[in-house]
C-alpha cells in the first residue's frame, strides 16, 4: 500500500495532492543574514550566472531551477544554506530573539539551528542537541561555515535531556523538529514511501511524545515550544500534541504562517484529540508546491503572554 492512500480523506483535492507528491521538489536556499543580505545574494547569483527565482513569501529564500544549492561561491562563503521552504517555518513560529536561551532538541544537521542563530543575530545561546553523534559533525560543519558563534552542541537523548552541563536550567524557547516517518519528504526522497510501515509510525510517535514533553519541562513558564514534523500521520502529529497537553502544563496557541495551511484534525481512525489541536498547521504539497509539513506552537504554563511581549496569537518572526 502507498501510505499516501490513508490521508486522502484529509485533503481537499486528492488528485492535486497525489500529483504534487509525484513531482520533484524545488531546490531552495536560505540567505544567512549573519553574513549577507538577500540583495547581496541576488547580486552574487547574477555575477556567477546562477539561475534563481525569489520566493514571494520570504525575501531571504531563493529557488534554484538548476538545483545544486551547494555548487556556487555564495554557499561556500556562508552566505546561503540549502533548506526546504517548509523547513523555514518552525523558526518563524518560534520567533527567537537576540539574547535568549533556545533549545533545538533534535538539531542535526543544523538547518534550523543556524536559522535560529540568524534570527537571534548570533546573540544569546542556542543549545543544539542530537542523539546521533555521527550527524553532529554535519551540524558543526554547517554552523562553522555560516559563522555561527552562539551555539553549544550537545549529544544527549532529548527525552532525558539534562541541563546540568549548562550555566542555566531552563530555556526561553525550544524547538522539537522531531524524527518522524518523513512521508512529507517524498518529493525529494520517494524511497520513504517504499520503506514506510505503520509499526514505525507507532514506534517513533512514542519517541516524539517523550521529546516534546521534555521540551515543555525544560522551558520556563510563559516560554514557547514549537513542535514540527515532515509527516502527514496524525499519530505523529495531533496525537503527540494531545498526549502532551494531557500530561504537561502547556497550551496550544494560535499563530500565523505565510503559506496556505489546513488546521490540525481532531479525529483519526477512531481516536479523538483535544479540540485545540486545530490551532496546529498542516502544510500539503499541492497547496504551496512544497514538501509536506506539520507545525504547532505551545505556550508553557498556560500563560496568555510572557515578559518578552509575545502575544498568544502572534505570528512568529523573521529569520
C-alpha atoms as a PDB file:
ATOM      1  CA  UNK A   1       0.000   0.000   0.000  1.00  0.00           C
ATOM      2  CA  UNK A   2       1.157   3.513  -0.761  1.00  0.00           C
ATOM      3  CA  UNK A   3       0.931   5.260   2.644  1.00  0.00           C
ATOM      4  CA  UNK A   4      -0.384   8.393   0.947  1.00  0.00           C
ATOM      5  CA  UNK A   5      -3.646   6.481   0.338  1.00  0.00           C
ATOM      6  CA  UNK A   6      -4.529   6.710   4.018  1.00  0.00           C
ATOM      7  CA  UNK A   7      -4.545  10.519   4.008  1.00  0.00           C
ATOM      8  CA  UNK A   8      -6.891  11.123   1.076  1.00  0.00           C
ATOM      9  CA  UNK A   9      -9.785  11.869   3.449  1.00  0.00           C
ATOM     10  CA  UNK A  10      -7.759  14.723   4.957  1.00  0.00           C
ATOM     11  CA  UNK A  11      -7.017  16.704   1.787  1.00  0.00           C
ATOM     12  CA  UNK A  12      -9.288  18.972  -0.229  1.00  0.00           C
ATOM     13  CA  UNK A  13      -8.147  17.814  -3.684  1.00  0.00           C
ATOM     14  CA  UNK A  14      -6.888  14.240  -3.824  1.00  0.00           C
ATOM     15  CA  UNK A  15      -5.775  14.373  -7.458  1.00  0.00           C
ATOM     16  CA  UNK A  16      -3.777  17.577  -6.930  1.00  0.00           C
ATOM     17  CA  UNK A  17      -2.269  16.168  -3.729  1.00  0.00           C
ATOM     18  CA  UNK A  18      -1.106  12.956  -5.390  1.00  0.00           C
ATOM     19  CA  UNK A  19       0.183  14.791  -8.469  1.00  0.00           C
ATOM     20  CA  UNK A  20       2.193  17.202  -6.312  1.00  0.00           C
ATOM     21  CA  UNK A  21       3.704  14.328  -4.322  1.00  0.00           C
ATOM     22  CA  UNK A  22       4.905  12.788  -7.590  1.00  0.00           C
ATOM     23  CA  UNK A  23       6.701  15.952  -8.770  1.00  0.00           C
ATOM     24  CA  UNK A  24      10.356  16.644  -7.867  1.00  0.00           C
ATOM     25  CA  UNK A  25      10.829  19.152  -5.054  1.00  0.00           C
ATOM     26  CA  UNK A  26      12.220  22.590  -5.993  1.00  0.00           C
ATOM     27  CA  UNK A  27      15.739  23.281  -4.735  1.00  0.00           C
ATOM     28  CA  UNK A  28      15.816  26.211  -2.298  1.00  0.00           C
ATOM     29  CA  UNK A  29      18.469  28.187  -0.410  1.00  0.00           C
ATOM     30  CA  UNK A  30      18.104  30.494   2.578  1.00  0.00           C
ATOM     31  CA  UNK A  31      20.095  33.684   2.974  1.00  0.00           C
ATOM     32  CA  UNK A  32      22.336  33.656   6.053  1.00  0.00           C
ATOM     33  CA  UNK A  33      21.702  37.110   7.497  1.00  0.00           C
ATOM     34  CA  UNK A  34      24.798  36.912   9.690  1.00  0.00           C
ATOM     35  CA  UNK A  35      26.990  37.059   6.581  1.00  0.00           C
ATOM     36  CA  UNK A  36      24.940  38.630   3.788  1.00  0.00           C
ATOM     37  CA  UNK A  37      21.678  40.295   2.776  1.00  0.00           C
ATOM     38  CA  UNK A  38      19.184  38.966   0.220  1.00  0.00           C
ATOM     39  CA  UNK A  39      20.201  41.811  -2.120  1.00  0.00           C
ATOM     40  CA  UNK A  40      23.850  40.812  -1.851  1.00  0.00           C
ATOM     41  CA  UNK A  41      22.982  37.187  -2.561  1.00  0.00           C
ATOM     42  CA  UNK A  42      20.973  38.182  -5.633  1.00  0.00           C
ATOM     43  CA  UNK A  43      23.915  40.232  -6.880  1.00  0.00           C
ATOM     44  CA  UNK A  44      26.294  37.318  -6.313  1.00  0.00           C
ATOM     45  CA  UNK A  45      23.984  34.927  -8.150  1.00  0.00           C
ATOM     46  CA  UNK A  46      23.752  37.371 -11.061  1.00  0.00           C
ATOM     47  CA  UNK A  47      27.518  37.756 -11.223  1.00  0.00           C
ATOM     48  CA  UNK A  48      28.039  33.999 -11.000  1.00  0.00           C
ATOM     49  CA  UNK A  49      25.407  33.115 -13.583  1.00  0.00           C
ATOM     50  CA  UNK A  50      23.317  31.192 -11.050  1.00  0.00           C
ATOM     51  CA  UNK A  51      19.665  30.976 -12.101  1.00  0.00           C
ATOM     52  CA  UNK A  52      17.253  31.765  -9.261  1.00  0.00           C
ATOM     53  CA  UNK A  53      13.659  32.693  -8.517  1.00  0.00           C
ATOM     54  CA  UNK A  54      12.875  34.710  -5.361  1.00  0.00           C
ATOM     55  CA  UNK A  55      10.305  33.084  -3.074  1.00  0.00           C
ATOM     56  CA  UNK A  56       7.411  35.527  -2.821  1.00  0.00           C
ATOM     57  CA  UNK A  57       6.585  34.977   0.860  1.00  0.00           C
ATOM     58  CA  UNK A  58      10.142  35.308   2.248  1.00  0.00           C
ATOM     59  CA  UNK A  59      12.711  37.693   0.782  1.00  0.00           C
ATOM     60  CA  UNK A  60      15.599  35.585   2.077  1.00  0.00           C
ATOM     61  CA  UNK A  61      14.654  32.424   0.158  1.00  0.00           C
ATOM     62  CA  UNK A  62      15.530  31.596  -3.443  1.00  0.00           C
ATOM     63  CA  UNK A  63      14.502  28.673  -5.616  1.00  0.00           C
ATOM     64  CA  UNK A  64      17.284  27.374  -7.852  1.00  0.00           C
ATOM     65  CA  UNK A  65      15.754  25.906 -11.042  1.00  0.00           C
ATOM     66  CA  UNK A  66      19.002  24.130 -11.901  1.00  0.00           C
ATOM     67  CA  UNK A  67      19.385  22.623  -8.423  1.00  0.00           C
ATOM     68  CA  UNK A  68      22.741  22.131  -6.687  1.00  0.00           C
ATOM     69  CA  UNK A  69      22.407  24.643  -3.814  1.00  0.00           C
ATOM     70  CA  UNK A  70      25.976  23.976  -2.659  1.00  0.00           C
ATOM     71  CA  UNK A  71      27.562  24.416  -6.083  1.00  0.00           C
ATOM     72  CA  UNK A  72      28.215  28.167  -6.033  1.00  0.00           C
ATOM     73  CA  UNK A  73      30.533  30.529  -4.221  1.00  0.00           C
ATOM     74  CA  UNK A  74      27.879  32.303  -2.072  1.00  0.00           C
ATOM     75  CA  UNK A  75      27.228  28.919  -0.450  1.00  0.00           C
ATOM     76  CA  UNK A  76      30.927  28.225   0.050  1.00  0.00           C
ATOM     77  CA  UNK A  77      31.387  31.632   1.687  1.00  0.00           C
ATOM     78  CA  UNK A  78      28.497  31.009   4.076  1.00  0.00           C
ATOM     79  CA  UNK A  79      26.070  33.480   2.521  1.00  0.00           C
ATOM     80  CA  UNK A  80      23.448  30.828   1.786  1.00  0.00           C
ATOM     81  CA  UNK A  81      22.324  27.465   3.092  1.00  0.00           C
ATOM     82  CA  UNK A  82      20.315  24.799   1.304  1.00  0.00           C
ATOM     83  CA  UNK A  83      16.993  24.486   3.138  1.00  0.00           C
ATOM     84  CA  UNK A  84      13.493  23.494   2.047  1.00  0.00           C
ATOM     85  CA  UNK A  85      10.833  26.194   2.107  1.00  0.00           C
ATOM     86  CA  UNK A  86       8.688  24.400   4.685  1.00  0.00           C
ATOM     87  CA  UNK A  87      11.747  23.766   6.842  1.00  0.00           C
ATOM     88  CA  UNK A  88      11.931  27.519   7.444  1.00  0.00           C
ATOM     89  CA  UNK A  89       8.501  27.612   9.100  1.00  0.00           C
ATOM     90  CA  UNK A  90       9.286  26.285  12.608  1.00  0.00           C
ATOM     91  CA  UNK A  91      11.781  29.052  13.310  1.00  0.00           C
ATOM     92  CA  UNK A  92       9.304  31.654  12.074  1.00  0.00           C
ATOM     93  CA  UNK A  93       6.780  30.265  14.566  1.00  0.00           C
ATOM     94  CA  UNK A  94       9.392  30.064  17.335  1.00  0.00           C
ATOM     95  CA  UNK A  95      10.385  33.735  16.811  1.00  0.00           C
ATOM     96  CA  UNK A  96      13.652  33.609  18.814  1.00  0.00           C
ATOM     97  CA  UNK A  97      15.157  36.922  19.890  1.00  0.00           C
ATOM     98  CA  UNK A  98      18.716  38.157  20.489  1.00  0.00           C
ATOM     99  CA  UNK A  99      19.975  37.298  23.960  1.00  0.00           C
ATOM    100  CA  UNK A 100      17.566  34.436  24.626  1.00  0.00           C
ATOM    101  CA  UNK A 101      18.295  30.838  25.562  1.00  0.00           C
ATOM    102  CA  UNK A 102      16.915  28.451  22.957  1.00  0.00           C
ATOM    103  CA  UNK A 103      16.978  24.656  22.791  1.00  0.00           C
ATOM    104  CA  UNK A 104      16.925  22.853  19.450  1.00  0.00           C
ATOM    105  CA  UNK A 105      16.162  19.361  20.724  1.00  0.00           C
ATOM    106  CA  UNK A 106      16.717  17.367  17.506  1.00  0.00           C
ATOM    107  CA  UNK A 107      19.125  19.685  15.747  1.00  0.00           C
ATOM    108  CA  UNK A 108      21.318  17.800  13.245  1.00  0.00           C
ATOM    109  CA  UNK A 109      22.227  18.543  10.517  1.00  0.00           C
ATOM    110  CA  UNK A 110      21.637  22.128  11.614  1.00  0.00           C
ATOM    111  CA  UNK A 111      19.428  23.962   9.112  1.00  0.00           C
ATOM    112  CA  UNK A 112      17.029  25.152  11.815  1.00  0.00           C
ATOM    113  CA  UNK A 113      19.784  25.665  14.401  1.00  0.00           C
ATOM    114  CA  UNK A 114      21.593  28.065  12.097  1.00  0.00           C
ATOM    115  CA  UNK A 115      18.343  29.779  11.152  1.00  0.00           C
ATOM    116  CA  UNK A 116      17.593  30.267  14.856  1.00  0.00           C
ATOM    117  CA  UNK A 117      21.044  31.759  15.422  1.00  0.00           C
ATOM    118  CA  UNK A 118      20.486  34.047  12.432  1.00  0.00           C
ATOM    119  CA  UNK A 119      17.152  35.250  13.864  1.00  0.00           C
ATOM    120  CA  UNK A 120      18.938  35.946  17.170  1.00  0.00           C
ATOM    121  CA  UNK A 121      21.646  37.994  15.414  1.00  0.00           C
ATOM    122  CA  UNK A 122      24.106  35.399  16.779  1.00  0.00           C
ATOM    123  CA  UNK A 123      23.473  36.730  20.312  1.00  0.00           C
ATOM    124  CA  UNK A 124      22.326  34.684  23.287  1.00  0.00           C
ATOM    125  CA  UNK A 125      22.637  30.898  23.358  1.00  0.00           C
ATOM    126  CA  UNK A 126      21.369  28.138  21.110  1.00  0.00           C
ATOM    127  CA  UNK A 127      21.812  24.652  22.530  1.00  0.00           C
ATOM    128  CA  UNK A 128      21.871  22.355  19.510  1.00  0.00           C
ATOM    129  CA  UNK A 129      21.274  18.786  20.630  1.00  0.00           C
ATOM    130  CA  UNK A 130      21.083  15.493  18.787  1.00  0.00           C
ATOM    131  CA  UNK A 131      21.317  11.899  19.959  1.00  0.00           C
ATOM    132  CA  UNK A 132      23.113  10.835  16.756  1.00  0.00           C
ATOM    133  CA  UNK A 133      26.798  11.577  17.206  1.00  0.00           C
ATOM    134  CA  UNK A 134      27.566  10.997  13.527  1.00  0.00           C
ATOM    135  CA  UNK A 135      25.058  13.611  12.391  1.00  0.00           C
ATOM    136  CA  UNK A 136      26.501  16.193  14.773  1.00  0.00           C
ATOM    137  CA  UNK A 137      29.579  16.532  12.578  1.00  0.00           C
ATOM    138  CA  UNK A 138      27.352  17.915   9.813  1.00  0.00           C
ATOM    139  CA  UNK A 139      25.769  20.334  12.276  1.00  0.00           C
ATOM    140  CA  UNK A 140      29.154  21.603  13.420  1.00  0.00           C
ATOM    141  CA  UNK A 141      30.329  21.987   9.822  1.00  0.00           C
ATOM    142  CA  UNK A 142      27.248  23.991   8.849  1.00  0.00           C
ATOM    143  CA  UNK A 143      27.498  26.224  11.919  1.00  0.00           C
ATOM    144  CA  UNK A 144      31.163  26.952  11.213  1.00  0.00           C
ATOM    145  CA  UNK A 145      30.588  27.635   7.502  1.00  0.00           C
ATOM    146  CA  UNK A 146      27.791  30.063   8.316  1.00  0.00           C
ATOM    147  CA  UNK A 147      29.784  31.871  11.009  1.00  0.00           C
ATOM    148  CA  UNK A 148      27.574  30.872  13.957  1.00  0.00           C
ATOM    149  CA  UNK A 149      29.244  31.594  17.312  1.00  0.00           C
ATOM    150  CA  UNK A 150      26.379  31.386  19.831  1.00  0.00           C
ATOM    151  CA  UNK A 151      25.690  27.647  19.505  1.00  0.00           C
ATOM    152  CA  UNK A 152      26.529  24.938  22.028  1.00  0.00           C
ATOM    153  CA  UNK A 153      26.461  21.388  20.635  1.00  0.00           C
ATOM    154  CA  UNK A 154      25.306  18.553  22.892  1.00  0.00           C
ATOM    155  CA  UNK A 155      24.879  14.809  22.346  1.00  0.00           C
ATOM    156  CA  UNK A 156      22.018  13.539  24.513  1.00  0.00           C
ATOM    157  CA  UNK A 157      18.774  11.633  24.221  1.00  0.00           C
ATOM    158  CA  UNK A 158      16.365  14.579  24.187  1.00  0.00           C
ATOM    159  CA  UNK A 159      13.759  12.603  26.135  1.00  0.00           C
ATOM    160  CA  UNK A 160      16.083  12.708  29.151  1.00  0.00           C
ATOM    161  CA  UNK A 161      17.945  15.921  28.366  1.00  0.00           C
ATOM    162  CA  UNK A 162      19.929  17.296  31.296  1.00  0.00           C
ATOM    163  CA  UNK A 163      20.783  20.972  31.724  1.00  0.00           C
ATOM    164  CA  UNK A 164      23.475  20.170  34.316  1.00  0.00           C
ATOM    165  CA  UNK A 165      26.385  20.839  31.908  1.00  0.00           C
ATOM    166  CA  UNK A 166      24.914  24.286  31.137  1.00  0.00           C
ATOM    167  CA  UNK A 167      25.112  27.542  33.076  1.00  0.00           C
ATOM    168  CA  UNK A 168      21.306  27.719  33.309  1.00  0.00           C
ATOM    169  CA  UNK A 169      18.462  25.302  33.983  1.00  0.00           C
ATOM    170  CA  UNK A 170      15.638  26.463  31.708  1.00  0.00           C
ATOM    171  CA  UNK A 171      15.076  27.858  28.238  1.00  0.00           C
ATOM    172  CA  UNK A 172      13.080  30.763  26.863  1.00  0.00           C
ATOM    173  CA  UNK A 173      12.115  28.780  23.779  1.00  0.00           C
ATOM    174  CA  UNK A 174      12.508  25.257  22.461  1.00  0.00           C
ATOM    175  CA  UNK A 175      12.126  23.656  19.066  1.00  0.00           C
ATOM    176  CA  UNK A 176      11.230  19.997  18.630  1.00  0.00           C
ATOM    177  CA  UNK A 177      11.610  19.221  14.946  1.00  0.00           C
ATOM    178  CA  UNK A 178      11.053  15.587  15.681  1.00  0.00           C
ATOM    179  CA  UNK A 179      12.378  12.488  13.931  1.00  0.00           C
ATOM    180  CA  UNK A 180       9.416  11.058  12.043  1.00  0.00           C
ATOM    181  CA  UNK A 181       8.259   8.752   9.250  1.00  0.00           C
ATOM    182  CA  UNK A 182       9.111  11.512   6.734  1.00  0.00           C
ATOM    183  CA  UNK A 183       6.189  10.976   4.346  1.00  0.00           C
ATOM    184  CA  UNK A 184       6.192  14.695   3.589  1.00  0.00           C
ATOM    185  CA  UNK A 185       9.672  14.404   2.067  1.00  0.00           C
ATOM    186  CA  UNK A 186       8.515  12.009  -0.663  1.00  0.00           C
ATOM    187  CA  UNK A 187       9.063  14.643  -3.365  1.00  0.00           C
ATOM    188  CA  UNK A 188      12.825  14.623  -2.740  1.00  0.00           C
ATOM    189  CA  UNK A 189      13.108  11.063  -1.465  1.00  0.00           C
ATOM    190  CA  UNK A 190      10.445   8.732  -2.937  1.00  0.00           C
ATOM    191  CA  UNK A 191      12.055   5.775  -1.168  1.00  0.00           C
ATOM    192  CA  UNK A 192      10.428   6.848   2.107  1.00  0.00           C
ATOM    193  CA  UNK A 193       7.094   5.604   0.773  1.00  0.00           C
ATOM    194  CA  UNK A 194       8.520   2.172  -0.040  1.00  0.00           C
ATOM    195  CA  UNK A 195      10.150   1.916   3.388  1.00  0.00           C
ATOM    196  CA  UNK A 196       7.090   3.119   5.332  1.00  0.00           C
ATOM    197  CA  UNK A 197       5.449   0.854   7.916  1.00  0.00           C
ATOM    198  CA  UNK A 198       2.699   1.536  10.438  1.00  0.00           C
ATOM    199  CA  UNK A 199       4.832  -0.130  13.103  1.00  0.00           C
ATOM    200  CA  UNK A 200       7.492   2.526  12.563  1.00  0.00           C
ATOM    201  CA  UNK A 201       4.878   5.284  12.822  1.00  0.00           C
ATOM    202  CA  UNK A 202       3.754   3.966  16.210  1.00  0.00           C
ATOM    203  CA  UNK A 203       7.320   3.456  17.416  1.00  0.00           C
ATOM    204  CA  UNK A 204       8.519   6.936  16.502  1.00  0.00           C
ATOM    205  CA  UNK A 205       5.367   8.511  17.960  1.00  0.00           C
ATOM    206  CA  UNK A 206       6.436   7.252  21.368  1.00  0.00           C
ATOM    207  CA  UNK A 207       9.792   8.980  20.969  1.00  0.00           C
ATOM    208  CA  UNK A 208       8.118  12.187  19.817  1.00  0.00           C
ATOM    209  CA  UNK A 209       5.887  12.293  22.891  1.00  0.00           C
ATOM    210  CA  UNK A 210       8.915  11.935  25.160  1.00  0.00           C
ATOM    211  CA  UNK A 211      10.932  14.654  23.434  1.00  0.00           C
ATOM    212  CA  UNK A 212       8.069  17.154  23.324  1.00  0.00           C
ATOM    213  CA  UNK A 213       7.251  16.527  26.991  1.00  0.00           C
ATOM    214  CA  UNK A 214      10.879  17.176  27.953  1.00  0.00           C
ATOM    215  CA  UNK A 215      10.923  20.380  25.886  1.00  0.00           C
ATOM    216  CA  UNK A 216       7.894  21.703  27.792  1.00  0.00           C
ATOM    217  CA  UNK A 217       9.504  20.751  31.106  1.00  0.00           C
ATOM    218  CA  UNK A 218      12.779  22.478  30.174  1.00  0.00           C
ATOM    219  CA  UNK A 219      11.143  25.745  29.072  1.00  0.00           C
ATOM    220  CA  UNK A 220      10.325  28.499  31.565  1.00  0.00           C
ATOM    221  CA  UNK A 221       6.712  29.418  32.387  1.00  0.00           C
ATOM    222  CA  UNK A 222       5.389  31.677  29.653  1.00  0.00           C
ATOM    223  CA  UNK A 223       8.017  30.395  27.222  1.00  0.00           C
ATOM    224  CA  UNK A 224       7.373  28.956  23.775  1.00  0.00           C
ATOM    225  CA  UNK A 225       7.780  25.443  22.393  1.00  0.00           C
ATOM    226  CA  UNK A 226       7.328  24.697  18.683  1.00  0.00           C
ATOM    227  CA  UNK A 227       6.663  21.148  17.522  1.00  0.00           C
ATOM    228  CA  UNK A 228       7.115  20.172  13.872  1.00  0.00           C
ATOM    229  CA  UNK A 229       7.397  17.098  11.669  1.00  0.00           C
ATOM    230  CA  UNK A 230       7.588  16.302   7.971  1.00  0.00           C
ATOM    231  CA  UNK A 231       4.865  13.649   8.086  1.00  0.00           C
ATOM    232  CA  UNK A 232       1.127  13.591   7.421  1.00  0.00           C
ATOM    233  CA  UNK A 233       0.410  10.919  10.061  1.00  0.00           C
ATOM    234  CA  UNK A 234      -1.951  12.131  12.827  1.00  0.00           C
ATOM    235  CA  UNK A 235      -0.358   9.516  15.103  1.00  0.00           C
ATOM    236  CA  UNK A 236       2.855  11.573  14.934  1.00  0.00           C
ATOM    237  CA  UNK A 237       1.235  14.993  14.913  1.00  0.00           C
ATOM    238  CA  UNK A 238      -2.097  15.655  16.624  1.00  0.00           C
ATOM    239  CA  UNK A 239      -1.868  12.524  18.798  1.00  0.00           C
ATOM    240  CA  UNK A 240       1.506  13.660  20.125  1.00  0.00           C
ATOM    241  CA  UNK A 241       0.118  17.099  20.933  1.00  0.00           C
ATOM    242  CA  UNK A 242      -2.928  15.549  22.600  1.00  0.00           C
ATOM    243  CA  UNK A 243      -0.693  13.408  24.810  1.00  0.00           C
ATOM    244  CA  UNK A 244       1.482  16.308  25.932  1.00  0.00           C
ATOM    245  CA  UNK A 245      -1.487  18.600  26.537  1.00  0.00           C
ATOM    246  CA  UNK A 246      -2.923  15.976  28.861  1.00  0.00           C
ATOM    247  CA  UNK A 247       0.293  15.402  30.781  1.00  0.00           C
ATOM    248  CA  UNK A 248       2.236  18.682  30.840  1.00  0.00           C
ATOM    249  CA  UNK A 249       1.448  22.274  31.821  1.00  0.00           C
ATOM    250  CA  UNK A 250       1.060  23.882  28.408  1.00  0.00           C
ATOM    251  CA  UNK A 251      -1.471  25.016  25.848  1.00  0.00           C
ATOM    252  CA  UNK A 252      -1.609  25.295  22.084  1.00  0.00           C
ATOM    253  CA  UNK A 253      -1.799  28.870  20.832  1.00  0.00           C
ATOM    254  CA  UNK A 254      -2.903  30.471  17.586  1.00  0.00           C
ATOM    255  CA  UNK A 255      -0.188  31.596  15.191  1.00  0.00           C
ATOM    256  CA  UNK A 256       0.132  32.550  11.553  1.00  0.00           C
ATOM    257  CA  UNK A 257       2.333  31.139   8.814  1.00  0.00           C
ATOM    258  CA  UNK A 258       2.909  32.779   5.418  1.00  0.00           C
ATOM    259  CA  UNK A 259       1.668  29.746   3.446  1.00  0.00           C
ATOM    260  CA  UNK A 260      -1.705  28.140   2.766  1.00  0.00           C
ATOM    261  CA  UNK A 261      -2.349  25.729   5.618  1.00  0.00           C
ATOM    262  CA  UNK A 262      -5.041  23.395   6.920  1.00  0.00           C
ATOM    263  CA  UNK A 263      -5.922  23.080  10.632  1.00  0.00           C
ATOM    264  CA  UNK A 264      -4.999  20.064  12.698  1.00  0.00           C
ATOM    265  CA  UNK A 265      -7.515  17.221  12.759  1.00  0.00           C
ATOM    266  CA  UNK A 266      -9.458  16.232  15.874  1.00  0.00           C
ATOM    267  CA  UNK A 267     -10.406  12.682  14.820  1.00  0.00           C
ATOM    268  CA  UNK A 268      -8.470   9.874  13.201  1.00  0.00           C
ATOM    269  CA  UNK A 269      -9.208   6.164  12.901  1.00  0.00           C
ATOM    270  CA  UNK A 270     -11.429   6.012  15.975  1.00  0.00           C
ATOM    271  CA  UNK A 271      -9.278   8.305  18.103  1.00  0.00           C
ATOM    272  CA  UNK A 272     -10.299  11.816  19.162  1.00  0.00           C
ATOM    273  CA  UNK A 273      -7.937  14.626  20.148  1.00  0.00           C
ATOM    274  CA  UNK A 274      -8.173  17.809  22.166  1.00  0.00           C
ATOM    275  CA  UNK A 275     -10.102  20.434  20.171  1.00  0.00           C
ATOM    276  CA  UNK A 276      -7.199  22.872  20.453  1.00  0.00           C
ATOM    277  CA  UNK A 277      -5.107  20.768  18.028  1.00  0.00           C
ATOM    278  CA  UNK A 278      -6.986  22.657  15.293  1.00  0.00           C
ATOM    279  CA  UNK A 279      -4.572  25.516  16.095  1.00  0.00           C
ATOM    280  CA  UNK A 280      -1.768  23.444  14.568  1.00  0.00           C
ATOM    281  CA  UNK A 281      -0.953  23.840  10.876  1.00  0.00           C
ATOM    282  CA  UNK A 282      -0.883  21.144   8.205  1.00  0.00           C
ATOM    283  CA  UNK A 283       1.018  22.004   5.020  1.00  0.00           C
ATOM    284  CA  UNK A 284       0.212  19.885   1.964  1.00  0.00           C
ATOM    285  CA  UNK A 285       2.447  19.797  -1.155  1.00  0.00           C
ATOM    286  CA  UNK A 286      -0.284  20.784  -3.617  1.00  0.00           C
ATOM    287  CA  UNK A 287      -1.225  23.948  -1.737  1.00  0.00           C
ATOM    288  CA  UNK A 288       2.168  25.690  -1.959  1.00  0.00           C
ATOM    289  CA  UNK A 289       4.353  23.494  -4.236  1.00  0.00           C
ATOM    290  CA  UNK A 290       6.445  22.476  -1.220  1.00  0.00           C
ATOM    291  CA  UNK A 291       7.100  19.386   0.833  1.00  0.00           C
ATOM    292  CA  UNK A 292       4.561  18.187   3.383  1.00  0.00           C
ATOM    293  CA  UNK A 293       4.815  19.528   6.924  1.00  0.00           C
ATOM    294  CA  UNK A 294       3.153  19.942  10.322  1.00  0.00           C
ATOM    295  CA  UNK A 295       3.764  22.740  12.816  1.00  0.00           C
ATOM    296  CA  UNK A 296       2.298  23.661  16.207  1.00  0.00           C
ATOM    297  CA  UNK A 297       3.088  26.323  18.794  1.00  0.00           C
ATOM    298  CA  UNK A 298       2.701  25.802  22.540  1.00  0.00           C
ATOM    299  CA  UNK A 299       2.863  28.198  25.456  1.00  0.00           C
ATOM    300  CA  UNK A 300       4.310  26.743  28.644  1.00  0.00           C
ATOM    301  CA  UNK A 301       2.379  27.241  31.875  1.00  0.00           C
ATOM    302  CA  UNK A 302      -0.831  28.136  30.088  1.00  0.00           C
ATOM    303  CA  UNK A 303       0.127  31.834  30.126  1.00  0.00           C
ATOM    304  CA  UNK A 304      -1.516  34.145  27.622  1.00  0.00           C
ATOM    305  CA  UNK A 305       1.666  36.181  27.265  1.00  0.00           C
ATOM    306  CA  UNK A 306       5.145  36.499  28.709  1.00  0.00           C
ATOM    307  CA  UNK A 307       7.539  39.239  29.666  1.00  0.00           C
ATOM    308  CA  UNK A 308       9.157  39.249  26.222  1.00  0.00           C
ATOM    309  CA  UNK A 309       5.974  40.753  24.810  1.00  0.00           C
ATOM    310  CA  UNK A 310       4.778  37.762  22.768  1.00  0.00           C
ATOM    311  CA  UNK A 311       1.016  37.585  22.494  1.00  0.00           C
ATOM    312  CA  UNK A 312      -0.574  34.159  22.349  1.00  0.00           C
ATOM    313  CA  UNK A 313      -1.849  34.983  18.887  1.00  0.00           C
ATOM    314  CA  UNK A 314       1.437  36.233  17.476  1.00  0.00           C
ATOM    315  CA  UNK A 315       2.520  35.043  14.095  1.00  0.00           C
ATOM    316  CA  UNK A 316       6.188  34.331  14.602  1.00  0.00           C
ATOM    317  CA  UNK A 317       9.127  36.419  13.498  1.00  0.00           C
ATOM    318  CA  UNK A 318      11.660  36.847  10.759  1.00  0.00           C
ATOM    319  CA  UNK A 319      14.719  34.797  10.042  1.00  0.00           C
END
